[in-house]
Amino acid sequence: MLKNLKPRLYQETIFSKSTAKNTLVVLPTGLGKTAISLIVAADRLSKFPESQILLLAPTRPLASQHYSTFKKHFAGLEEEDFSLVTGEISQKKREGIWRAATIIFSTPQCVANDVRAGKLSLENFSFLIEDEAHRCIKNYDYTYVVKMYREQASRALVLGLTASPGSEQAKINQICKNLGIEAVEVRTRESEDVKRYIKELKTNVIKVGFPSRFVEIKERLNKILAKRVEELRNRGLLYGKFATKRTFIELQAKLMRISKGGNKHFHILRGISLLTEIMKAQHLLELLETQTVYSVNKYLEGLEKEEKEAKSKAIKNLFGNVEFQLAITKIKKLVESGTEHPKLRVLLDVVKTEIKSGNKRMMIFAQYRDTVDKIHSELDKAGISSRIFIGQSGERGLKQREQQQVLREFSEGEISCLVSTSIGEEGLDIPEVGAVIFYEPIPSAIRRIQRAGRTARLQPGKLIMLITQKTRDESYHWASYYKERKMHGILRDMKDDFDRKEEERQSKMQKSLGEF
């Protein structure tokens, strides 16, 4: 039933488990999760020829990519047996497609809407694939769809695919519970049955000094933060010795709920205002430490516009602070003198060195769009061909057609560097690159694994990471490293637990047969 597809040994091993049980497959980007879904889908259709297959992906481009891949490798099915269903198709028309097609590719929102409206029954689907399964948490539509599928389908089988389900035990447990997981299959680049199929990945961490002029601004911003954190503690709103960005976000959300519930006490309102100031100053500091002066200035211009329009009392308070005004003055001097974050120069040197060594295709990841813009601009000035690869949202976003055009140019060698935000991390079929460059480390194991998976598949590759010394770059780097190790430990234990339970079940079955 499949053509032009020769499964690797580890894919066949995972396939044998996935045909019998609801399985979570954890494989780094580029090691063929889609191939596993293909061979399991073919197996289900051979067993249940009149049934249907449903593959869900979190975005339209990713669903479209799976649609093209399945059509390419499936033999014995007609063009009309494959359908890509998105919200752009009217609900009335979708109703006919749900009934007619054999293999359907869609987004969870689209499926969930039609199931809720009674326009789609999942009874006849013998196989559900949820790509990027780490999203199957809380109220995301993945969770609702798999719940209804397991209730409605008479021959239900679930396959969850992800490069990383995260590093928190509770989150991984929740994903497995939501998907009804009965088996876990995990592979890393170091797995014995994977090593033979991949090439060497060299990691190079480049440490960049943090200039004294930047340190002076950092000290001003830290004074602002320390004073506001102290007031939150004095008001009994913040506890504990350490507070992170996540702490502030969660506390602000909590106080907002209390306020919306009718409690307009000054104590609560002051806490919300303080947290707004903290979040703004924190973000400015993060940009200063890890991004570009261009990014810092763009963000500052946005704050100045808010302050002039009197949109927020918290912004007014921040701009009325002497330390903040001194920080602004120093930032403006950096801009006027043309001073940039030293990372930018180091990045250009790295790219030039890679090109001289024969590397014709690189991918540069940066967290923020303003940084992506600045990197692209500097590469352009240096005569290095590059394109921006960003999401669809906002006025500056790339529409799906434009994204596809960029990837086509990159694939055909028209450009050397793809400068990407997080959109380049998940799933999309991006050509293998000779080097992946992290403009900054990220504290997420999921995103670290996804970024690194863009290289060292068929050819040796490099992972190059730029880290500003004595800044959050250093803590983010180690955070993602230890989270990845922790995740693998949790998954190994989980796999062992599932395997042990299966052995016990088989043992009891054999014992029962012997007694019989």
Protein backbone atom coordinates (compact mmCIF):
# COMPACT_ATOMS: atom_id res chain seq x y z
CA MET A 1 0.00 0.00 0.00
CA LEU A 2 3.03 2.29 0.40
CA LYS A 3 5.55 3.31 -2.24
CA ASN A 4 9.02 4.87 -2.18
CA LEU A 5 9.31 4.37 1.56
CA LYS A 6 11.76 2.04 3.26
CA PRO A 7 11.30 2.18 7.05
CA ARG A 8 14.38 2.22 9.23
CA LEU A 9 14.85 -0.49 11.85
CA TYR A 10 13.85 1.75 14.78
CA GLN A 11 10.77 2.89 12.84
CA GLU A 12 9.73 -0.73 12.31
CA THR A 13 10.25 -1.44 16.03
CA ILE A 14 8.10 1.54 16.99
CA PHE A 15 5.52 0.55 14.35
CA SER A 16 5.10 -2.90 15.93
CA LYS A 17 4.15 -1.27 19.24
CA SER A 18 2.01 1.45 17.67
CA THR A 19 -0.29 -0.97 15.83
CA ALA A 20 -1.50 -2.57 19.04
CA LYS A 21 -1.65 0.22 21.61
CA ASN A 22 -2.25 3.95 21.91
CA THR A 23 1.35 5.11 21.67
CA LEU A 24 3.30 8.30 22.35
CA VAL A 25 6.33 8.49 20.04
CA VAL A 26 9.11 10.86 21.07
CA LEU A 27 11.67 11.37 18.30
CA PRO A 28 13.93 14.37 17.57
CA THR A 29 13.02 16.48 14.53
CA GLY A 30 14.21 14.86 11.31
CA LEU A 31 14.18 11.22 12.46
CA GLY A 32 10.97 10.27 10.67
CA LYS A 33 7.92 10.52 12.90
CA THR A 34 5.74 10.98 9.80
CA ALA A 35 7.05 7.72 8.29
CA ILE A 36 5.82 5.85 11.37
CA SER A 37 2.36 7.38 11.04
CA LEU A 38 2.33 6.37 7.35
CA ILE A 39 3.06 2.68 7.96
CA VAL A 40 0.61 2.47 10.86
CA ALA A 41 -2.07 4.16 8.71
CA ALA A 42 -1.43 1.65 5.89
CA ASP A 43 -1.74 -1.20 8.39
CA ARG A 44 -5.06 0.11 9.74
CA LEU A 45 -6.53 0.48 6.26
CA SER A 46 -5.44 -3.05 5.30
CA LYS A 47 -7.19 -4.37 8.42
CA PHE A 48 -10.25 -2.13 8.13
CA PRO A 49 -10.61 -1.16 4.42
CA GLU A 50 -13.87 0.73 4.90
CA SER A 51 -12.55 2.84 7.77
CA GLN A 52 -11.02 6.33 7.73
CA ILE A 53 -7.83 7.93 9.03
CA LEU A 54 -7.60 11.36 10.68
CA LEU A 55 -4.33 13.27 11.03
CA LEU A 56 -4.30 16.48 13.06
CA ALA A 57 -1.60 19.14 13.02
CA PRO A 58 -1.63 22.44 14.96
CA THR A 59 -1.26 24.68 11.89
CA ARG A 60 -2.59 24.76 8.32
CA PRO A 61 0.91 24.69 6.74
CA LEU A 62 1.83 21.59 8.76
CA ALA A 63 -1.47 19.84 7.95
CA SER A 64 -0.90 20.69 4.28
CA GLN A 65 2.61 19.24 4.45
CA HIS A 66 1.30 15.93 5.84
CA TYR A 67 -1.36 15.88 3.12
CA SER A 68 1.34 16.12 0.43
CA THR A 69 3.56 13.49 2.10
CA PHE A 70 0.77 10.93 2.44
CA LYS A 71 -0.35 11.43 -1.18
CA LYS A 72 3.25 10.91 -2.31
CA HIS A 73 3.73 7.59 -0.48
CA PHE A 74 0.29 5.94 -0.51
CA ALA A 75 -0.44 3.58 -3.39
CA GLY A 76 -3.87 2.22 -4.30
CA LEU A 77 -5.80 5.34 -3.29
CA GLU A 78 -7.26 7.95 -5.61
CA GLU A 79 -6.76 11.72 -5.41
CA GLU A 80 -10.24 12.18 -3.92
CA ASP A 81 -9.44 9.74 -1.10
CA PHE A 82 -7.16 12.41 0.45
CA SER A 83 -8.65 15.63 1.80
CA LEU A 84 -7.12 18.68 3.45
CA VAL A 85 -9.83 20.27 5.58
CA THR A 86 -9.33 23.74 7.06
CA GLY A 87 -11.52 26.54 8.38
CA GLU A 88 -11.34 28.19 4.96
CA ILE A 89 -13.82 25.55 3.72
CA SER A 90 -17.44 26.19 4.72
CA GLN A 91 -18.94 23.91 7.36
CA LYS A 92 -21.60 22.70 4.92
CA LYS A 93 -18.96 21.62 2.39
CA ARG A 94 -16.82 20.06 5.13
CA GLU A 95 -19.72 17.85 6.15
CA GLY A 96 -19.55 16.08 2.78
CA ILE A 97 -15.76 15.73 2.91
CA TRP A 98 -15.85 14.09 6.36
CA ARG A 99 -18.03 11.34 4.93
CA ALA A 100 -16.33 10.85 1.56
CA ALA A 101 -12.55 10.95 2.13
CA THR A 102 -10.45 8.03 3.39
CA ILE A 103 -7.53 9.98 4.87
CA ILE A 104 -8.26 13.44 6.23
CA PHE A 105 -5.76 16.10 7.31
CA SER A 106 -6.96 18.97 9.44
CA THR A 107 -6.38 21.30 12.37
CA PRO A 108 -7.85 20.40 15.78
CA GLN A 109 -9.99 23.55 15.86
CA CYS A 110 -11.74 22.64 12.63
CA VAL A 111 -12.50 19.07 13.74
CA ALA A 112 -13.56 20.12 17.24
CA ASN A 113 -15.99 22.73 15.87
CA ASP A 114 -17.71 20.21 13.61
CA VAL A 115 -17.87 17.50 16.28
CA ARG A 116 -19.45 19.97 18.71
CA ALA A 117 -21.93 21.07 16.04
CA GLY A 118 -22.91 17.47 15.33
CA LYS A 119 -21.62 17.74 11.75
CA LEU A 120 -18.90 15.11 12.23
CA SER A 121 -18.99 11.68 13.83
CA LEU A 122 -15.65 9.99 14.57
CA GLU A 123 -17.17 6.51 14.74
CA ASN A 124 -15.70 5.23 11.46
CA PHE A 125 -12.13 6.44 12.04
CA SER A 126 -9.80 3.55 12.85
CA PHE A 127 -6.72 5.71 13.46
CA LEU A 128 -6.11 9.19 14.92
CA ILE A 129 -2.69 10.83 14.62
CA GLU A 130 -1.97 13.93 16.68
CA ASP A 131 1.23 15.61 15.50
CA GLU A 132 3.05 17.90 17.94
CA ALA A 133 1.28 15.96 20.68
CA HIS A 134 2.89 18.02 23.47
CA ARG A 135 0.03 20.44 22.77
CA CYS A 136 -2.53 17.92 24.02
CA ILE A 137 -3.02 19.70 27.35
CA LYS A 138 -5.63 21.78 29.15
CA ASN A 139 -8.34 23.22 26.89
CA TYR A 140 -6.49 22.92 23.57
CA ASP A 141 -8.78 21.28 20.98
CA TYR A 142 -6.45 18.28 20.66
CA THR A 143 -7.70 17.20 24.09
CA TYR A 144 -11.37 17.49 23.17
CA VAL A 145 -10.97 15.71 19.81
CA VAL A 146 -9.11 12.70 21.22
CA LYS A 147 -11.66 12.43 24.06
CA MET A 148 -14.57 12.34 21.62
CA TYR A 149 -12.67 9.99 19.29
CA ARG A 150 -12.08 7.46 22.05
CA GLU A 151 -15.78 7.68 23.00
CA GLN A 152 -17.18 7.42 19.47
CA ALA A 153 -14.82 5.24 17.41
CA SER A 154 -15.54 1.52 17.38
CA ARG A 155 -11.93 0.66 16.45
CA ALA A 156 -9.97 3.49 18.08
CA LEU A 157 -6.19 3.71 17.89
CA VAL A 158 -4.22 6.84 18.83
CA LEU A 159 -0.68 7.86 17.87
CA GLY A 160 0.87 10.94 19.46
CA LEU A 161 4.00 12.37 17.81
CA THR A 162 6.40 14.88 19.33
CA ALA A 163 10.07 15.83 19.50
CA SER A 164 9.62 16.54 23.20
CA PRO A 165 6.61 16.43 25.55
CA GLY A 166 8.30 18.79 28.01
CA SER A 167 10.29 18.24 31.17
CA GLU A 168 7.62 18.36 33.87
CA GLN A 169 6.34 15.04 35.17
CA ALA A 170 2.82 16.41 35.71
CA LYS A 171 2.61 17.77 32.15
CA ILE A 172 3.86 14.54 30.58
CA ASN A 173 1.40 12.53 32.69
CA GLN A 174 -1.42 14.83 31.57
CA ILE A 175 -0.51 14.46 27.89
CA CYS A 176 -0.46 10.66 28.24
CA LYS A 177 -3.76 10.66 30.15
CA ASN A 178 -5.46 12.88 27.57
CA LEU A 179 -4.27 10.71 24.68
CA GLY A 180 -5.11 7.46 26.50
CA ILE A 181 -1.49 6.36 26.10
CA GLU A 182 -0.67 2.69 26.78
CA ALA A 183 2.90 2.62 25.44
CA VAL A 184 5.76 5.10 25.12
CA GLU A 185 8.50 4.84 22.49
CA VAL A 186 11.46 7.17 22.93
CA ARG A 187 14.57 7.61 20.83
CA THR A 188 17.36 10.17 20.97
CA ARG A 189 20.34 10.78 18.69
CA GLU A 190 22.32 8.55 21.06
CA SER A 191 19.95 5.55 20.85
CA GLU A 192 21.77 2.46 19.55
CA ASP A 193 19.22 1.74 16.80
CA VAL A 194 19.27 5.38 15.63
CA LYS A 195 23.02 6.14 15.52
CA ARG A 196 23.67 4.35 12.23
CA TYR A 197 21.15 6.56 10.40
CA ILE A 198 22.40 9.99 11.44
CA LYS A 199 25.60 12.00 11.13
CA GLU A 200 27.79 13.67 13.71
CA LEU A 201 26.50 16.82 15.38
CA LYS A 202 29.21 19.16 16.67
CA THR A 203 28.16 21.68 19.30
CA ASN A 204 30.02 24.97 19.64
CA VAL A 205 29.11 27.38 22.44
CA ILE A 206 30.51 30.86 21.80
CA LYS A 207 30.65 33.14 24.84
CA VAL A 208 30.31 36.86 24.18
CA GLY A 209 31.28 39.57 26.65
CA PHE A 210 28.69 42.00 27.99
CA PRO A 211 30.02 45.56 27.46
CA SER A 212 30.38 47.95 30.40
CA ARG A 213 28.01 50.49 28.77
CA PHE A 214 25.33 47.78 28.70
CA VAL A 215 26.10 46.79 32.31
CA GLU A 216 25.44 50.39 33.45
CA ILE A 217 21.94 50.25 31.90
CA LYS A 218 21.33 46.83 33.41
CA GLU A 219 22.18 48.17 36.88
CA ARG A 220 19.63 51.01 36.49
CA LEU A 221 16.90 48.59 35.42
CA ASN A 222 17.75 46.17 38.24
CA LYS A 223 17.31 48.98 40.78
CA ILE A 224 13.82 49.64 39.39
CA LEU A 225 12.95 45.95 39.58
CA ALA A 226 14.33 45.48 43.10
CA LYS A 227 12.30 48.41 44.49
CA ARG A 228 9.02 47.17 42.98
CA VAL A 229 9.59 43.57 44.03
CA GLU A 230 10.29 44.80 47.56
CA GLU A 231 6.98 46.70 47.62
CA LEU A 232 5.08 43.60 46.45
CA ARG A 233 6.65 41.65 49.33
CA ASN A 234 5.87 44.41 51.84
CA ARG A 235 2.24 44.35 50.72
CA GLY A 236 2.12 40.60 51.26
CA LEU A 237 1.45 39.91 47.59
CA LEU A 238 4.74 38.13 46.81
CA TYR A 239 6.38 35.40 48.87
CA GLY A 240 9.59 33.42 48.60
CA LYS A 241 13.20 34.43 48.13
CA PHE A 242 13.30 34.03 44.36
CA ALA A 243 10.85 35.34 41.76
CA THR A 244 10.96 34.53 38.05
CA LYS A 245 9.20 35.94 35.01
CA ARG A 246 6.68 33.12 35.35
CA THR A 247 6.07 34.10 38.99
CA PHE A 248 5.18 37.65 37.98
CA ILE A 249 2.92 36.54 35.10
CA GLU A 250 0.98 34.14 37.34
CA LEU A 251 0.66 36.69 40.16
CA GLN A 252 -0.58 39.37 37.76
CA ALA A 253 -3.18 36.97 36.34
CA LYS A 254 -4.32 36.11 39.87
CA LEU A 255 -4.70 39.78 40.91
CA MET A 256 -6.54 40.56 37.65
CA ARG A 257 -9.05 37.79 38.43
CA ILE A 258 -9.56 39.18 41.94
CA SER A 259 -10.06 42.69 40.54
CA LYS A 260 -12.53 41.52 37.89
CA GLY A 261 -14.38 39.67 40.63
CA GLY A 262 -15.25 43.03 42.20
CA ASN A 263 -12.34 43.62 44.60
CA LYS A 264 -11.13 47.11 43.65
CA HIS A 265 -9.10 47.62 46.83
CA PHE A 266 -6.09 49.93 46.32
CA HIS A 267 -3.86 47.11 47.58
CA ILE A 268 -4.88 44.88 44.64
CA LEU A 269 -4.83 47.64 42.02
CA ARG A 270 -1.40 48.82 43.20
CA GLY A 271 -0.12 45.25 42.91
CA ILE A 272 -1.35 45.00 39.30
CA SER A 273 0.31 48.33 38.46
CA LEU A 274 3.62 47.29 40.07
CA LEU A 275 3.62 44.02 38.15
CA THR A 276 3.00 45.85 34.86
CA GLU A 277 6.04 48.04 35.56
CA ILE A 278 8.10 44.96 36.47
CA MET A 279 7.12 43.11 33.28
CA LYS A 280 7.98 46.11 31.08
CA ALA A 281 11.35 46.71 32.76
CA GLN A 282 12.11 42.96 32.73
CA HIS A 283 11.45 42.70 29.01
CA LEU A 284 13.61 45.75 28.28
CA LEU A 285 16.41 44.13 30.31
CA GLU A 286 16.02 40.81 28.50
CA LEU A 287 16.34 42.54 25.13
CA LEU A 288 19.41 44.43 26.33
CA GLU A 289 21.14 41.29 27.61
CA THR A 290 20.27 38.85 24.85
CA GLN A 291 19.11 40.60 21.66
CA THR A 292 20.14 43.79 19.81
CA VAL A 293 20.21 47.51 20.56
CA TYR A 294 17.86 47.83 17.59
CA SER A 295 15.34 45.56 19.41
CA VAL A 296 15.77 47.52 22.65
CA ASN A 297 15.12 50.81 20.89
CA LYS A 298 12.08 49.50 18.98
CA TYR A 299 10.54 48.30 22.25
CA LEU A 300 11.36 51.60 23.95
CA GLU A 301 9.69 53.51 21.12
CA GLY A 302 6.55 51.44 21.70
CA LEU A 303 6.61 52.27 25.43
CA GLU A 304 7.10 55.97 24.68
CA LYS A 305 4.07 55.91 22.40
CA GLU A 306 2.00 54.26 25.17
CA GLU A 307 3.21 56.88 27.65
CA LYS A 308 2.25 59.77 25.37
CA GLU A 309 -1.19 58.30 24.73
CA ALA A 310 -1.66 57.87 28.51
CA LYS A 311 -2.88 54.31 27.99
CA SER A 312 -1.51 53.03 31.29
CA LYS A 313 -0.83 54.57 34.69
CA ALA A 314 1.90 51.98 35.22
CA ILE A 315 3.74 53.23 32.11
CA LYS A 316 3.40 56.82 33.37
CA ASN A 317 4.90 55.76 36.71
CA LEU A 318 7.77 53.97 34.98
CA PHE A 319 8.65 56.98 32.81
CA GLY A 320 8.43 59.23 35.87
CA ASN A 321 11.16 57.20 37.58
CA VAL A 322 14.62 58.82 37.69
CA GLU A 323 16.47 55.50 37.23
CA PHE A 324 14.35 54.67 34.18
CA GLN A 325 15.06 58.08 32.64
CA LEU A 326 18.80 57.56 33.17
CA ALA A 327 18.52 54.12 31.52
CA ILE A 328 16.67 55.66 28.54
CA THR A 329 19.35 58.32 28.14
CA LYS A 330 22.09 55.69 28.02
CA ILE A 331 20.11 53.55 25.53
CA LYS A 332 19.62 56.57 23.24
CA LYS A 333 23.38 57.24 23.35
CA LEU A 334 24.02 53.64 22.23
CA VAL A 335 21.62 54.14 19.32
CA GLU A 336 23.10 57.52 18.33
CA SER A 337 26.66 56.16 18.36
CA GLY A 338 25.66 53.15 16.25
CA THR A 339 26.69 50.73 19.00
CA GLU A 340 25.23 47.25 18.73
CA HIS A 341 25.18 44.15 20.89
CA PRO A 342 28.51 42.34 20.34
CA LYS A 343 26.61 39.15 19.50
CA LEU A 344 25.66 40.65 16.15
CA ARG A 345 29.29 41.04 15.07
CA VAL A 346 30.14 37.55 16.34
CA LEU A 347 27.17 36.13 14.40
CA LEU A 348 28.35 37.75 11.15
CA ASP A 349 31.86 36.35 11.70
CA VAL A 350 30.45 32.87 12.30
CA VAL A 351 28.31 32.97 9.15
CA LYS A 352 31.23 34.22 7.02
CA THR A 353 33.47 31.46 8.40
CA GLU A 354 30.84 28.82 7.65
CA ILE A 355 30.43 30.06 4.07
CA LYS A 356 34.22 30.03 3.53
CA SER A 357 34.34 26.43 4.79
CA GLY A 358 31.79 25.41 2.15
CA ASN A 359 28.57 25.50 4.17
CA LYS A 360 25.96 26.77 1.74
CA ARG A 361 22.86 26.49 3.95
CA MET A 362 22.40 27.75 7.53
CA MET A 363 19.46 28.42 9.79
CA ILE A 364 19.61 31.20 12.38
CA PHE A 365 17.04 31.19 15.18
CA ALA A 366 16.13 34.29 17.17
CA GLN A 367 13.37 34.78 19.70
CA TYR A 368 11.99 38.12 18.55
CA ARG A 369 10.94 39.54 15.18
CA ASP A 370 12.84 42.81 15.63
CA THR A 371 16.02 40.79 16.15
CA VAL A 372 15.24 38.70 13.06
CA ASP A 373 14.82 41.93 11.06
CA LYS A 374 18.15 43.31 12.32
CA ILE A 375 20.06 40.09 11.60
CA HIS A 376 18.60 39.95 8.09
CA SER A 377 19.57 43.59 7.51
CA GLU A 378 23.16 43.05 8.69
CA LEU A 379 23.56 39.90 6.57
CA ASP A 380 22.26 41.84 3.59
CA LYS A 381 24.80 44.63 4.18
CA ALA A 382 27.55 42.00 4.33
CA GLY A 383 26.46 40.62 0.95
CA ILE A 384 25.13 37.37 2.42
CA SER A 385 21.86 36.17 0.89
CA SER A 386 19.18 35.58 3.51
CA ARG A 387 15.44 35.59 3.99
CA ILE A 388 13.19 36.10 7.00
CA PHE A 389 10.96 33.21 8.04
CA ILE A 390 8.23 34.28 10.49
CA GLY A 391 4.61 33.46 11.32
CA GLN A 392 1.44 34.86 9.78
CA SER A 393 0.22 37.09 12.61
CA GLY A 394 0.46 40.87 12.55
CA GLU A 395 1.02 43.34 9.73
CA ARG A 396 4.60 42.16 9.23
CA GLY A 397 3.70 38.45 9.16
CA LEU A 398 4.29 36.15 6.20
CA LYS A 399 1.21 34.58 4.66
CA GLN A 400 1.28 30.84 4.02
CA ARG A 401 2.03 31.33 0.33
CA GLU A 402 4.95 33.63 1.17
CA GLN A 403 6.32 31.12 3.69
CA GLN A 404 6.24 28.39 1.04
CA GLN A 405 8.05 30.67 -1.41
CA VAL A 406 10.81 31.37 1.14
CA LEU A 407 11.28 27.65 1.82
CA ARG A 408 11.38 26.95 -1.91
CA GLU A 409 14.15 29.53 -2.41
CA PHE A 410 16.06 28.10 0.55
CA SER A 411 15.65 24.54 -0.74
CA GLU A 412 16.86 25.46 -4.21
CA GLY A 413 19.98 27.20 -2.89
CA GLU A 414 18.99 30.74 -3.84
CA ILE A 415 19.68 31.91 -0.29
CA SER A 416 22.34 30.88 2.23
CA CYS A 417 20.66 31.81 5.52
CA LEU A 418 17.14 31.40 6.80
CA VAL A 419 16.58 33.74 9.77
CA SER A 420 13.66 32.36 11.73
CA THR A 421 11.53 32.85 14.80
CA SER A 422 9.90 29.86 16.54
CA ILE A 423 7.88 29.00 13.41
CA GLY A 424 10.98 27.25 12.06
CA GLU A 425 11.08 24.90 15.04
CA GLU A 426 7.92 22.82 14.67
CA GLY A 427 7.34 20.16 12.08
CA LEU A 428 7.61 22.05 8.79
CA ASP A 429 9.56 20.37 6.01
CA ILE A 430 12.59 22.64 5.98
CA PRO A 431 15.64 21.40 4.04
CA GLU A 432 18.50 20.02 6.12
CA VAL A 433 21.11 22.66 6.95
CA GLY A 434 24.84 22.47 7.57
CA ALA A 435 24.61 24.59 10.70
CA VAL A 436 21.95 25.73 13.13
CA ILE A 437 22.81 28.95 14.96
CA PHE A 438 21.02 29.97 18.16
CA TYR A 439 21.27 33.76 18.45
CA GLU A 440 20.23 33.19 22.05
CA PRO A 441 19.66 30.09 24.21
CA ILE A 442 16.07 29.30 25.16
CA PRO A 443 14.99 27.80 28.50
CA SER A 444 12.72 25.25 26.80
CA ALA A 445 13.80 21.64 26.22
CA ILE A 446 11.11 21.23 23.54
CA ARG A 447 12.34 24.16 21.48
CA ARG A 448 16.04 23.33 21.95
CA ILE A 449 15.46 19.81 20.58
CA GLN A 450 13.35 21.08 17.68
CA ARG A 451 15.91 23.70 16.67
CA ALA A 452 18.84 21.27 16.84
CA GLY A 453 16.90 18.74 14.74
CA ARG A 454 17.32 20.90 11.64
CA THR A 455 20.88 19.65 11.09
CA ALA A 456 23.09 16.51 11.16
CA ARG A 457 20.64 14.10 9.54
CA LEU A 458 22.15 12.98 6.23
CA GLN A 459 25.29 15.12 6.51
CA PRO A 460 27.45 16.12 9.51
CA GLY A 461 26.14 19.29 11.09
CA LYS A 462 26.93 22.01 13.60
CA LEU A 463 24.96 23.50 16.46
CA ILE A 464 26.37 26.94 17.27
CA MET A 465 25.08 28.83 20.28
CA LEU A 466 25.81 32.45 21.17
CA ILE A 467 25.76 33.22 24.89
CA THR A 468 26.23 36.64 26.49
CA GLN A 469 28.30 36.15 29.64
CA LYS A 470 26.90 37.10 33.04
CA THR A 471 23.34 37.44 31.70
CA ARG A 472 20.21 35.29 31.59
CA ASP A 473 21.64 33.68 28.44
CA GLU A 474 23.80 31.52 30.72
CA SER A 475 20.93 30.41 32.96
CA TYR A 476 18.65 29.76 29.96
CA HIS A 477 21.34 27.58 28.35
CA TRP A 478 21.71 25.36 31.41
CA ALA A 479 17.98 25.35 32.09
CA SER A 480 17.19 23.78 28.69
CA TYR A 481 20.11 21.35 29.01
CA TYR A 482 18.95 20.00 32.38
CA LYS A 483 15.28 20.01 31.32
CA GLU A 484 16.15 17.80 28.35
CA ARG A 485 18.03 15.36 30.59
CA LYS A 486 15.15 15.36 33.06
CA MET A 487 12.64 14.70 30.26
CA HIS A 488 14.56 11.67 29.01
CA GLY A 489 14.72 10.29 32.55
CA ILE A 490 10.96 10.69 33.06
CA LEU A 491 10.19 9.08 29.70
CA ARG A 492 12.54 6.15 30.33
CA ASP A 493 10.84 5.48 33.66
CA MET A 494 7.41 5.79 32.03
CA LYS A 495 8.35 3.39 29.24
CA ASP A 496 9.74 0.90 31.76
CA ASP A 497 6.51 1.15 33.77
CA PHE A 498 4.32 0.50 30.71
CA ASP A 499 6.57 -2.40 29.64
CA ARG A 500 6.48 -3.92 33.13
CA LYS A 501 2.69 -3.76 33.23
CA GLU A 502 2.51 -5.42 29.82
CA GLU A 503 4.84 -8.22 30.97
CA GLU A 504 2.67 -8.75 34.05
CA ARG A 505 -0.44 -8.88 31.86
CA GLN A 506 1.17 -11.41 29.51
CA SER A 507 2.36 -13.47 32.47
CA LYS A 508 -1.14 -13.60 33.97
CA MET A 509 -2.55 -14.55 30.57
CA GLN A 510 -0.05 -17.40 30.19
CA LYS A 511 -0.80 -18.57 33.71
CA SER A 512 -4.54 -18.54 33.02
CA LEU A 513 -4.03 -20.53 29.81
CA GLY A 514 -1.86 -23.03 31.69
CA GLU A 515 -4.51 -23.54 34.33
CA PHE A 516 -7.14 -23.93 31.66
